[in-house]
Protein backbone atom coordinates (compact mmCIF):
# COMPACT_ATOMS: atom_id res chain seq x y z
CA MET A 1 75.03 104.47 125.01
CA LYS A 2 75.27 105.52 128.70
CA LYS A 3 72.88 102.68 129.66
CA LEU A 4 74.94 100.16 127.71
CA LEU A 5 78.10 101.40 129.35
CA MET A 6 76.51 101.02 132.82
CA LEU A 7 75.36 97.53 132.01
CA CYS A 8 78.85 96.54 130.92
CA LEU A 9 80.34 98.02 134.06
CA MET A 10 77.80 96.21 136.25
CA PHE A 11 78.44 92.95 134.45
CA GLY A 12 82.18 93.35 134.83
CA PHE A 13 81.77 94.13 138.52
CA CYS A 14 79.64 90.96 139.02
CA LEU A 15 82.36 88.84 137.29
CA ILE A 16 85.02 90.28 139.47
CA PHE A 17 82.97 90.02 142.62
CA PHE A 18 81.91 86.44 142.07
CA GLY A 19 85.35 85.51 140.94
CA PHE A 20 86.84 86.58 144.20
CA THR A 21 84.05 85.46 146.57
CA ASN A 22 83.02 82.09 145.11
CA ALA A 23 85.42 79.75 146.86
CA ALA A 24 85.87 76.23 145.66
CA GLU A 25 83.50 73.67 147.17
CA VAL A 26 85.49 71.30 149.33
CA SER A 27 84.23 67.74 149.70
CA LEU A 28 85.33 64.44 151.22
CA LYS A 29 85.12 60.94 149.78
CA GLU A 30 85.98 57.72 151.53
CA ILE A 31 88.54 55.60 149.68
CA ASP A 32 90.41 52.35 150.47
CA GLU A 33 93.44 54.22 151.70
CA GLY A 34 91.46 56.67 153.83
CA TYR A 35 89.87 59.84 152.41
CA GLU A 36 89.98 61.82 149.20
CA ILE A 37 89.63 65.59 149.43
CA ASP A 38 88.21 67.29 146.32
CA LEU A 39 87.83 70.92 145.21
CA ASP A 40 84.87 71.46 142.89
CA GLY A 41 84.87 67.71 142.22
CA LYS A 42 88.58 67.54 141.31
CA LEU A 43 91.28 65.89 143.40
CA PHE A 44 93.20 68.09 145.84
CA ALA A 45 94.70 65.49 148.15
CA ASN A 46 94.40 61.97 149.59
CA TYR A 47 94.87 61.16 153.27
CA TRP A 48 96.33 57.66 153.71
CA THR A 49 96.04 56.00 157.09
CA ASP A 50 99.14 53.91 156.33
CA TYR A 51 101.94 53.80 153.83
CA HIS A 52 104.71 51.43 154.98
CA GLY A 53 104.13 52.19 158.61
CA THR A 54 102.97 55.82 158.79
CA PRO A 55 100.02 58.06 157.79
CA ILE A 56 100.76 60.32 154.85
CA VAL A 57 99.02 62.86 152.52
CA TRP A 58 99.58 61.98 148.85
CA PRO A 59 99.11 63.01 146.16
CA ILE A 60 98.63 66.78 146.66
CA ILE A 61 97.56 68.75 143.57
CA GLY A 62 98.23 72.49 143.36
CA PRO A 63 96.15 75.28 141.79
CA SER A 64 97.77 74.78 138.38
CA GLY A 65 96.84 71.06 138.40
CA VAL A 66 100.41 69.79 138.95
CA ALA A 67 101.60 67.51 141.67
CA MET A 68 103.11 69.45 144.60
CA THR A 69 105.09 66.62 146.21
CA ARG A 70 107.39 63.90 144.94
CA ALA A 71 105.63 60.69 143.95
CA TYR A 72 108.47 58.31 144.99
CA PRO A 73 108.31 55.97 146.87
CA MET A 74 104.52 55.61 146.49
CA SER A 75 105.03 55.56 142.68
CA THR A 76 107.95 55.22 140.29
CA ASP A 77 106.06 56.49 137.26
CA ALA A 78 107.03 60.18 137.39
CA ASP A 79 109.75 61.07 134.88
CA GLY A 80 113.00 62.59 136.17
CA GLU A 81 112.41 61.95 139.89
CA LYS A 82 115.21 61.09 142.33
CA PHE A 83 114.74 57.69 143.95
CA ASP A 84 116.56 58.54 147.19
CA HIS A 85 115.41 58.56 150.79
CA PRO A 86 112.42 56.18 150.53
CA HIS A 87 111.30 57.30 154.03
CA HIS A 88 110.43 60.74 152.57
CA ARG A 89 106.75 60.11 151.88
CA SER A 90 105.13 63.21 150.33
CA LEU A 91 103.73 64.97 153.47
CA TRP A 92 104.01 63.22 156.81
CA PHE A 93 104.84 63.65 160.52
CA THR A 94 107.32 61.41 162.45
CA HIS A 95 110.48 61.72 164.49
CA ASP A 96 113.60 59.64 164.95
CA GLY A 97 114.76 58.46 168.33
CA VAL A 98 111.49 58.28 170.39
CA ASN A 99 112.52 56.05 173.23
CA GLY A 100 115.05 54.64 170.83
CA ASN A 101 112.49 53.88 168.09
CA ARG A 102 113.31 55.32 164.65
CA HIS A 103 109.95 56.52 163.39
CA TRP A 104 111.53 58.88 160.84
CA MET A 105 113.15 55.86 159.18
CA ARG A 106 111.17 52.71 159.86
CA SER A 107 109.33 52.41 163.18
CA ILE A 108 105.56 52.22 162.98
CA ILE A 109 102.94 54.86 163.65
CA ALA A 110 99.66 52.90 163.53
CA HIS A 111 96.32 54.50 162.65
CA GLN A 112 93.73 53.67 165.25
CA GLU A 113 90.56 55.52 164.26
CA PHE A 114 89.00 58.47 162.49
CA VAL A 115 87.56 60.80 165.19
CA LYS A 116 86.06 63.07 162.58
CA ALA A 117 85.85 63.25 158.78
CA GLU A 118 83.45 65.92 157.58
CA SER A 119 83.07 68.86 155.19
CA ASP A 120 80.97 71.99 155.40
CA GLY A 121 81.61 72.87 151.78
CA LYS A 122 84.22 75.51 152.65
CA THR A 123 86.70 73.23 154.34
CA ALA A 124 87.17 69.50 155.02
CA THR A 125 88.39 68.33 158.38
CA ILE A 126 89.97 64.98 159.24
CA VAL A 127 90.84 64.10 162.86
CA THR A 128 92.68 60.82 163.61
CA LYS A 129 94.24 58.96 166.56
CA ASN A 130 97.46 57.09 166.02
CA ASP A 131 99.84 55.03 168.16
CA TRP A 132 103.63 55.30 168.01
CA LEU A 133 104.63 51.68 168.53
CA ASP A 134 107.72 50.26 170.24
CA ASP A 135 109.82 48.09 167.85
CA LYS A 136 110.32 45.29 170.34
CA SER A 137 107.14 45.08 172.37
CA GLY A 138 104.65 46.53 169.92
CA ASP A 139 103.17 48.64 172.74
CA PRO A 140 102.37 52.31 172.30
CA VAL A 141 105.18 54.67 173.35
CA CYS A 142 103.05 57.70 172.71
CA LYS A 143 99.89 58.52 170.80
CA ASP A 144 98.89 61.46 168.70
CA ILE A 145 95.73 63.24 167.72
CA ARG A 146 96.20 64.94 164.42
CA THR A 147 93.77 67.40 162.94
CA LEU A 148 93.99 68.28 159.21
CA VAL A 149 91.89 71.05 157.67
CA PHE A 150 91.79 71.38 153.87
CA GLY A 151 90.65 74.60 152.21
CA THR A 152 91.39 77.53 149.96
CA ILE A 153 92.34 81.18 150.37
CA GLY A 154 91.59 82.71 146.99
CA ASP A 155 93.54 80.70 144.50
CA VAL A 156 95.86 79.30 147.14
CA ARG A 157 95.20 75.87 148.54
CA TYR A 158 96.06 75.01 152.15
CA ILE A 159 96.33 72.26 154.68
CA ASP A 160 96.33 73.08 158.36
CA PHE A 161 98.09 70.31 160.29
CA ASN A 162 97.87 70.32 164.09
CA ILE A 163 99.20 67.39 166.08
CA GLU A 164 99.04 66.73 169.83
CA ILE A 165 101.51 64.09 171.00
CA ILE A 166 100.71 62.38 174.34
CA ALA A 167 103.09 60.18 176.39
CA GLU A 168 101.78 56.61 176.89
CA GLN A 169 104.73 55.21 178.80
CA GLU A 170 106.08 56.35 182.15
CA THR A 171 108.80 58.32 180.37
CA VAL A 172 108.96 59.21 176.73
CA VAL A 173 112.11 60.81 175.35
CA PHE A 174 112.31 62.60 171.98
CA ALA A 175 115.93 62.61 170.90
CA ASP A 176 117.91 65.64 169.79
CA THR A 177 118.33 64.81 166.08
CA LYS A 178 117.88 66.58 162.80
CA GLU A 179 116.00 63.54 161.50
CA GLY A 180 112.44 64.84 161.81
CA SER A 181 109.67 65.88 162.08
CA PHE A 182 106.92 67.59 159.95
CA GLY A 183 108.17 66.64 156.56
CA ILE A 184 107.47 67.34 152.87
CA ARG A 185 109.47 66.15 149.92
CA VAL A 186 109.16 68.58 147.06
CA PRO A 187 109.07 67.45 143.36
CA THR A 188 112.54 66.81 142.03
CA SER A 189 112.26 69.43 139.36
CA MET A 190 111.68 72.07 142.09
CA ASP A 191 114.65 71.23 144.27
CA VAL A 192 117.44 73.75 144.29
CA ASP A 193 120.15 71.24 143.38
CA MET A 194 118.52 70.63 140.00
CA ARG A 195 119.44 74.22 139.07
CA LYS A 196 116.22 74.78 137.17
CA GLY A 197 115.08 77.76 139.24
CA GLY A 198 114.25 76.15 142.56
CA THR A 199 114.49 78.56 145.48
CA ILE A 200 114.19 78.41 149.24
CA ILE A 201 113.55 81.57 151.27
CA ASN A 202 112.52 82.10 154.89
CA ALA A 203 110.79 84.99 156.74
CA GLU A 204 114.14 86.63 157.45
CA GLY A 205 115.26 86.50 153.82
CA LYS A 206 117.71 83.63 154.21
CA LYS A 207 117.93 81.77 150.88
CA ASP A 208 118.61 78.22 149.73
CA GLY A 209 121.35 76.54 151.91
CA GLU A 210 121.42 79.50 154.25
CA ALA A 211 117.86 78.67 155.45
CA TRP A 212 118.91 75.27 156.74
CA ALA A 213 119.03 75.02 160.56
CA LYS A 214 117.65 78.53 161.04
CA ARG A 215 114.60 79.32 163.17
CA SER A 216 111.79 81.14 161.33
CA GLY A 217 108.05 81.55 161.35
CA TRP A 218 107.77 80.36 157.75
CA VAL A 219 109.73 79.05 154.77
CA ASP A 220 108.84 78.94 151.09
CA TYR A 221 110.18 76.41 148.57
CA SER A 222 109.34 77.20 144.96
CA GLY A 223 110.43 76.19 141.49
CA PRO A 224 109.29 74.58 138.14
CA VAL A 225 106.96 71.64 137.95
CA GLU A 226 105.78 70.53 134.47
CA GLY A 227 106.81 73.89 133.03
CA LYS A 228 105.02 75.97 135.65
CA THR A 229 106.45 77.88 138.58
CA VAL A 230 104.77 76.81 141.75
CA GLY A 231 105.53 76.85 145.43
CA ILE A 232 104.95 75.48 148.89
CA THR A 233 105.03 77.59 152.05
CA VAL A 234 105.06 76.00 155.46
CA MET A 235 104.11 78.24 158.37
CA ASN A 236 104.77 77.42 162.01
CA HIS A 237 102.05 78.80 164.28
CA SER A 238 103.19 81.11 167.05
CA ASP A 239 101.39 78.92 169.61
CA SER A 240 103.27 75.87 168.46
CA PHE A 241 105.76 74.01 170.70
CA ARG A 242 109.18 75.74 170.63
CA TYR A 243 108.13 78.40 168.19
CA PRO A 244 109.81 79.48 165.96
CA THR A 245 110.89 76.06 164.85
CA TYR A 246 114.19 75.06 163.28
CA TRP A 247 114.05 74.10 159.60
CA HIS A 248 115.58 70.92 158.24
CA VAL A 249 115.16 72.24 154.66
CA ARG A 250 117.58 70.91 152.10
CA THR A 251 118.55 72.01 148.62
CA TYR A 252 118.07 68.42 147.43
CA GLY A 253 114.33 68.60 148.18
CA LEU A 254 113.60 67.74 151.80
CA PHE A 255 111.44 70.38 153.47
CA ALA A 256 110.97 69.71 157.21
CA ALA A 257 110.22 71.61 160.44
CA ASN A 258 111.96 70.14 163.45
CA PRO A 259 111.82 71.63 166.99
CA PHE A 260 113.98 68.94 168.54
CA GLY A 261 117.33 68.95 166.64
CA VAL A 262 118.95 71.85 168.50
CA ARG A 263 122.43 70.32 168.80
CA ASP A 264 122.60 69.50 165.13
CA PHE A 265 121.18 72.79 164.02
CA GLU A 266 123.21 74.99 166.35
CA GLY A 267 126.37 72.94 165.96
CA ASP A 268 126.89 73.15 169.67
CA LYS A 269 127.26 69.94 171.69
CA ALA A 270 126.61 71.84 174.91
CA LYS A 271 123.00 72.47 173.76
CA SER A 272 120.24 69.96 173.64
CA GLY A 273 116.78 69.83 172.10
CA GLU A 274 115.91 66.51 173.82
CA LEU A 275 112.40 66.47 175.22
CA THR A 276 111.18 64.18 178.04
CA LEU A 277 107.48 63.71 178.67
CA LYS A 278 105.98 61.88 181.63
CA HIS A 279 102.95 59.70 181.22
CA GLY A 280 99.98 61.79 180.16
CA GLU A 281 101.99 64.90 179.36
CA SER A 282 101.71 66.34 175.85
CA ILE A 283 102.94 68.90 173.34
CA THR A 284 101.10 70.44 170.44
CA LEU A 285 102.61 71.47 167.10
CA LYS A 286 100.77 73.56 164.51
CA TYR A 287 101.54 74.13 160.87
CA ARG A 288 99.84 75.60 157.81
CA VAL A 289 100.97 74.54 154.33
CA LEU A 290 100.14 76.78 151.40
CA PHE A 291 100.27 75.43 147.85
CA HIS A 292 100.46 78.34 145.36
CA ASP A 293 101.30 79.38 141.85
CA GLY A 294 104.43 81.48 141.33
CA ASP A 295 107.32 82.06 143.59
CA ALA A 296 107.39 83.45 147.17
CA ALA A 297 107.19 87.04 145.86
CA SER A 298 103.85 86.28 144.22
CA LEU A 299 102.19 86.27 147.67
CA ASP A 300 102.14 88.59 150.64
CA LEU A 301 103.54 85.91 152.94
CA PRO A 302 104.06 88.15 155.99
CA LYS A 303 100.35 89.17 155.87
CA LEU A 304 99.21 85.57 155.29
CA PHE A 305 101.32 84.44 158.23
CA GLU A 306 99.94 87.14 160.48
CA GLU A 307 96.40 86.21 159.51
CA TYR A 308 97.04 82.53 160.09
CA CYS A 309 98.28 83.09 163.68
CA ALA A 310 95.53 85.62 164.49
CA VAL A 311 92.68 83.37 163.26
CA LYS A 312 93.94 80.28 165.07
CA GLN A 313 94.38 82.25 168.29
CA GLN A 314 90.76 83.41 168.06
CA GLU A 315 89.54 79.85 167.50
CA ASP A 316 91.55 78.61 170.50
CA LYS A 317 89.77 81.13 172.73
CA LYS A 318 86.30 79.89 171.75
């Protein structure tokens, strides 16, 4: 009996051990739009080089198998979705008012090349170069090098999104406006205004509409999708430009980090978040996006944020 009990305990330990240590295998597959990222052979996300003038990530599938961002405007097949703000394209990075060009709304960010697209089984990394084009001349105003890393932390899925923006013209001005910059549009059923249980909370405990225009290291947006409670956390790395960022996070479903819109967010016309770069100068912004089951309380977000910043700082020193 004792031997049987010991065997059962050992078997149970093995199940627990391998359940926690066997991370999903991350792989890349080239597709017409760009690249598909899979976890154990199942879709996690697609990286598109272009959707109506800008690179995007769509769809993004969470741990429960449900879509974590709104399908519109890429698709109109999802039931119950709002068909507003067609410039909100799943997960993307742009900004309005770059030398007068409105990249948040319509001006083009053109994919130039894949610098890297590889997977080591634990993570998949995509590095691209992109040109922010002037509406009139078609010349690059600035360029960016964006690095996306896809992986898992236990049951949580993540995308690290780092972007270096480099001035290509003699002077490049990023306008002070709330219309930007690192954006996600959450599924309609999750948004707070639907009154189905959607909730916004930041690192300081500000909730829902109170989190708008506040500076914070991270913000979580959670709520129901297809009958399951799921959430998205966006973390702003402590080495990122103008950390901690302001959050253009709305109860109708927009979820954006914006370091430029100081006047709008502070409500003070005497202040300005305008940024001027001379030719060759650059800034770097860093974000981690977590896709998780449950609400914000289901994770130890302060610990995960601390670990994110610490690991990235170590990598930067190598």
